[in-house]
Amino acid sequence: QVQLVESGGGLVQAGGSLRLSCAASGRTFSSYAMGWFRQAPGKEREFVAAISRSGTSTSNVDSVKGRFTISRDNAKNTVTLQMNSLKPEDTAVYYCAVRLGTGWGIPPPTSSDEYHYWGQGTQVTVSS
């Protein structure tokens, strides 16, 4: 079992920044890859960013490239999503998730179906 707790969400004006964190417990943190997903009202959950176990391989959805950065600290059991130049369309509940069974430097998948544990989510609201 892995427990995940997100924090850092809130209300911000367009163009502003937020930093989301996800604290993990229950298994050795470096043994699994991590992802961030989001779900806006009336929409399906979508992939935002992912990071390998080593932290050396990352991927982002095209809509956040150049604005969002995912990182992890295996010593502190945390994964972070730095979000800059926020837009109203970034408004959503953001979830971190665990993907088991990936190689050390292998990029994790982008499909939510392939993740095994989920946090409760944190609301991000971007006003125009």
C-alpha atoms as a PDB file:
ATOM      1  CA  GLN A   1       0.000   0.000   0.000  1.00  0.00           C
ATOM      2  CA  VAL A   2       1.041   3.556  -0.721  1.00  0.00           C
ATOM      3  CA  GLN A   3      -0.556   6.623   0.824  1.00  0.00           C
ATOM      4  CA  LEU A   4      -0.402   9.920  -1.026  1.00  0.00           C
ATOM      5  CA  VAL A   5      -1.238  13.387   0.253  1.00  0.00           C
ATOM      6  CA  GLU A   6      -1.277  16.379  -2.095  1.00  0.00           C
ATOM      7  CA  SER A   7      -0.926  19.975  -0.990  1.00  0.00           C
ATOM      8  CA  GLY A   8      -0.319  23.399  -2.452  1.00  0.00           C
ATOM      9  CA  GLY A   9      -3.494  23.998  -4.400  1.00  0.00           C
ATOM     10  CA  GLY A  10      -5.456  27.222  -4.227  1.00  0.00           C
ATOM     11  CA  LEU A  11      -6.788  30.232  -6.080  1.00  0.00           C
ATOM     12  CA  VAL A  12      -4.432  32.229  -8.273  1.00  0.00           C
ATOM     13  CA  GLN A  13      -4.795  34.838 -10.997  1.00  0.00           C
ATOM     14  CA  ALA A  14      -3.912  34.025 -14.572  1.00  0.00           C
ATOM     15  CA  GLY A  15      -0.179  34.327 -15.100  1.00  0.00           C
ATOM     16  CA  GLY A  16       0.574  33.356 -11.537  1.00  0.00           C
ATOM     17  CA  SER A  17       2.315  30.312 -10.099  1.00  0.00           C
ATOM     18  CA  LEU A  18       1.572  27.479  -7.741  1.00  0.00           C
ATOM     19  CA  ARG A  19       3.693  24.646  -6.425  1.00  0.00           C
ATOM     20  CA  LEU A  20       1.959  21.354  -5.751  1.00  0.00           C
ATOM     21  CA  SER A  21       3.547  18.735  -3.531  1.00  0.00           C
ATOM     22  CA  CYS A  22       2.724  15.108  -2.992  1.00  0.00           C
ATOM     23  CA  ALA A  23       4.017  13.278   0.068  1.00  0.00           C
ATOM     24  CA  ALA A  24       4.180   9.500  -0.157  1.00  0.00           C
ATOM     25  CA  SER A  25       4.401   6.828   2.498  1.00  0.00           C
ATOM     26  CA  GLY A  26       4.035   3.090   2.813  1.00  0.00           C
ATOM     27  CA  ARG A  27       6.683   1.804   0.417  1.00  0.00           C
ATOM     28  CA  THR A  28      10.197   2.760  -0.573  1.00  0.00           C
ATOM     29  CA  PHE A  29       9.618   5.951  -2.543  1.00  0.00           C
ATOM     30  CA  SER A  30      12.317   5.283  -5.125  1.00  0.00           C
ATOM     31  CA  SER A  31      10.696   1.980  -6.035  1.00  0.00           C
ATOM     32  CA  TYR A  32       7.924   3.593  -8.062  1.00  0.00           C
ATOM     33  CA  ALA A  33       7.388   6.195 -10.754  1.00  0.00           C
ATOM     34  CA  MET A  34       5.058   9.131 -10.166  1.00  0.00           C
ATOM     35  CA  GLY A  35       2.538  11.068 -12.172  1.00  0.00           C
ATOM     36  CA  TRP A  36       0.306  14.093 -11.928  1.00  0.00           C
ATOM     37  CA  PHE A  37      -3.178  14.111 -13.449  1.00  0.00           C
ATOM     38  CA  ARG A  38      -6.002  16.600 -13.380  1.00  0.00           C
ATOM     39  CA  GLN A  39      -9.741  16.593 -13.787  1.00  0.00           C
ATOM     40  CA  ALA A  40     -11.831  19.614 -14.603  1.00  0.00           C
ATOM     41  CA  PRO A  41     -15.601  19.680 -14.002  1.00  0.00           C
ATOM     42  CA  GLY A  42     -17.429  17.697 -16.645  1.00  0.00           C
ATOM     43  CA  LYS A  43     -14.231  16.388 -18.176  1.00  0.00           C
ATOM     44  CA  GLU A  44     -12.270  13.185 -18.008  1.00  0.00           C
ATOM     45  CA  ARG A  45      -9.127  12.872 -15.954  1.00  0.00           C
ATOM     46  CA  GLU A  46      -6.113  13.814 -18.050  1.00  0.00           C
ATOM     47  CA  PHE A  47      -2.398  13.271 -17.825  1.00  0.00           C
ATOM     48  CA  VAL A  48      -0.301  16.288 -16.849  1.00  0.00           C
ATOM     49  CA  ALA A  49       3.241  15.102 -16.101  1.00  0.00           C
ATOM     50  CA  ALA A  50       5.210  12.060 -15.018  1.00  0.00           C
ATOM     51  CA  ILE A  51       8.659  11.282 -13.697  1.00  0.00           C
ATOM     52  CA  SER A  52      10.724   8.129 -13.581  1.00  0.00           C
ATOM     53  CA  ARG A  53      11.966   6.476 -10.411  1.00  0.00           C
ATOM     54  CA  SER A  54      15.401   8.035 -10.897  1.00  0.00           C
ATOM     55  CA  GLY A  55      14.006  11.477 -11.644  1.00  0.00           C
ATOM     56  CA  THR A  56      16.021  11.637 -14.861  1.00  0.00           C
ATOM     57  CA  SER A  57      13.138  11.043 -17.260  1.00  0.00           C
ATOM     58  CA  THR A  58      10.075  13.259 -17.346  1.00  0.00           C
ATOM     59  CA  SER A  59       7.176  13.885 -19.678  1.00  0.00           C
ATOM     60  CA  ASN A  60       4.459  16.534 -19.909  1.00  0.00           C
ATOM     61  CA  VAL A  61       1.261  16.947 -21.832  1.00  0.00           C
ATOM     62  CA  ASP A  62       1.707  19.436 -24.667  1.00  0.00           C
ATOM     63  CA  SER A  63      -0.619  22.002 -23.108  1.00  0.00           C
ATOM     64  CA  VAL A  64       1.722  22.520 -20.129  1.00  0.00           C
ATOM     65  CA  LYS A  65       5.106  22.250 -21.822  1.00  0.00           C
ATOM     66  CA  GLY A  66       7.327  25.156 -20.902  1.00  0.00           C
ATOM     67  CA  ARG A  67       5.074  26.083 -17.976  1.00  0.00           C
ATOM     68  CA  PHE A  68       4.938  23.073 -15.636  1.00  0.00           C
ATOM     69  CA  THR A  69       7.896  21.161 -14.224  1.00  0.00           C
ATOM     70  CA  ILE A  70       7.742  17.880 -12.360  1.00  0.00           C
ATOM     71  CA  SER A  71      10.492  16.859  -9.966  1.00  0.00           C
ATOM     72  CA  ARG A  72      11.049  14.427  -7.145  1.00  0.00           C
ATOM     73  CA  ASP A  73      13.152  14.115  -4.036  1.00  0.00           C
ATOM     74  CA  ASN A  74      13.705  10.480  -3.182  1.00  0.00           C
ATOM     75  CA  ALA A  75      15.268  11.397   0.146  1.00  0.00           C
ATOM     76  CA  LYS A  76      12.153  13.321   1.205  1.00  0.00           C
ATOM     77  CA  ASN A  77       9.563  11.020  -0.408  1.00  0.00           C
ATOM     78  CA  THR A  78       7.974  13.876  -2.301  1.00  0.00           C
ATOM     79  CA  VAL A  79       7.100  14.753  -5.874  1.00  0.00           C
ATOM     80  CA  THR A  80       6.489  18.344  -6.860  1.00  0.00           C
ATOM     81  CA  LEU A  81       4.694  20.035  -9.729  1.00  0.00           C
ATOM     82  CA  GLN A  82       5.835  23.604 -10.270  1.00  0.00           C
ATOM     83  CA  MET A  83       3.190  25.427 -12.282  1.00  0.00           C
ATOM     84  CA  ASN A  84       4.022  28.784 -13.846  1.00  0.00           C
ATOM     85  CA  SER A  85       2.149  31.073 -16.229  1.00  0.00           C
ATOM     86  CA  LEU A  86      -1.125  29.539 -15.132  1.00  0.00           C
ATOM     87  CA  LYS A  87      -4.164  29.868 -17.354  1.00  0.00           C
ATOM     88  CA  PRO A  88      -7.884  29.599 -16.545  1.00  0.00           C
ATOM     89  CA  GLU A  89      -7.978  26.328 -18.483  1.00  0.00           C
ATOM     90  CA  ASP A  90      -5.574  24.844 -15.914  1.00  0.00           C
ATOM     91  CA  THR A  91      -8.385  24.956 -13.356  1.00  0.00           C
ATOM     92  CA  ALA A  92      -8.982  21.419 -12.103  1.00  0.00           C
ATOM     93  CA  VAL A  93      -8.498  19.019  -9.243  1.00  0.00           C
ATOM     94  CA  TYR A  94      -4.911  17.785  -9.429  1.00  0.00           C
ATOM     95  CA  TYR A  95      -4.017  14.256  -8.361  1.00  0.00           C
ATOM     96  CA  CYS A  96      -0.692  12.579  -7.833  1.00  0.00           C
ATOM     97  CA  ALA A  97      -0.420   8.895  -8.581  1.00  0.00           C
ATOM     98  CA  VAL A  98       1.953   5.968  -8.222  1.00  0.00           C
ATOM     99  CA  ARG A  99       3.010   3.647 -10.985  1.00  0.00           C
ATOM    100  CA  LEU A 100       4.565   0.384  -9.791  1.00  0.00           C
ATOM    101  CA  GLY A 101       6.823  -1.883 -11.800  1.00  0.00           C
ATOM    102  CA  THR A 102       8.802   0.505 -13.981  1.00  0.00           C
ATOM    103  CA  GLY A 103      12.551   0.465 -14.498  1.00  0.00           C
ATOM    104  CA  TRP A 104      14.851   2.940 -12.758  1.00  0.00           C
ATOM    105  CA  GLY A 105      15.182   5.447 -15.605  1.00  0.00           C
ATOM    106  CA  ILE A 106      12.251   4.336 -17.737  1.00  0.00           C
ATOM    107  CA  PRO A 107       9.621   6.990 -18.523  1.00  0.00           C
ATOM    108  CA  PRO A 108       6.327   6.096 -16.834  1.00  0.00           C
ATOM    109  CA  PRO A 109       3.114   5.778 -18.829  1.00  0.00           C
ATOM    110  CA  THR A 110       0.678   8.588 -19.460  1.00  0.00           C
ATOM    111  CA  SER A 111      -2.526   6.582 -19.105  1.00  0.00           C
ATOM    112  CA  SER A 112      -4.295   6.861 -15.770  1.00  0.00           C
ATOM    113  CA  ASP A 113      -5.326   3.208 -16.108  1.00  0.00           C
ATOM    114  CA  GLU A 114      -1.715   2.176 -15.563  1.00  0.00           C
ATOM    115  CA  TYR A 115      -1.333   3.842 -12.164  1.00  0.00           C
ATOM    116  CA  HIS A 116      -1.936   1.930  -8.968  1.00  0.00           C
ATOM    117  CA  TYR A 117      -2.402   4.414  -6.126  1.00  0.00           C
ATOM    118  CA  TRP A 118      -3.950   7.856  -6.028  1.00  0.00           C
ATOM    119  CA  GLY A 119      -4.069  10.807  -3.697  1.00  0.00           C
ATOM    120  CA  GLN A 120      -7.267  12.590  -2.730  1.00  0.00           C
ATOM    121  CA  GLY A 121      -6.584  15.569  -4.993  1.00  0.00           C
ATOM    122  CA  THR A 122      -6.021  19.271  -4.501  1.00  0.00           C
ATOM    123  CA  GLN A 123      -8.058  22.025  -6.133  1.00  0.00           C
ATOM    124  CA  VAL A 124      -6.351  24.533  -8.399  1.00  0.00           C
ATOM    125  CA  THR A 125      -8.429  27.491  -9.544  1.00  0.00           C
ATOM    126  CA  VAL A 126      -7.066  30.070 -11.964  1.00  0.00           C
ATOM    127  CA  SER A 127      -9.074  33.249 -12.354  1.00  0.00           C
ATOM    128  CA  SER A 128      -9.000  35.374 -15.484  1.00  0.00           C
END
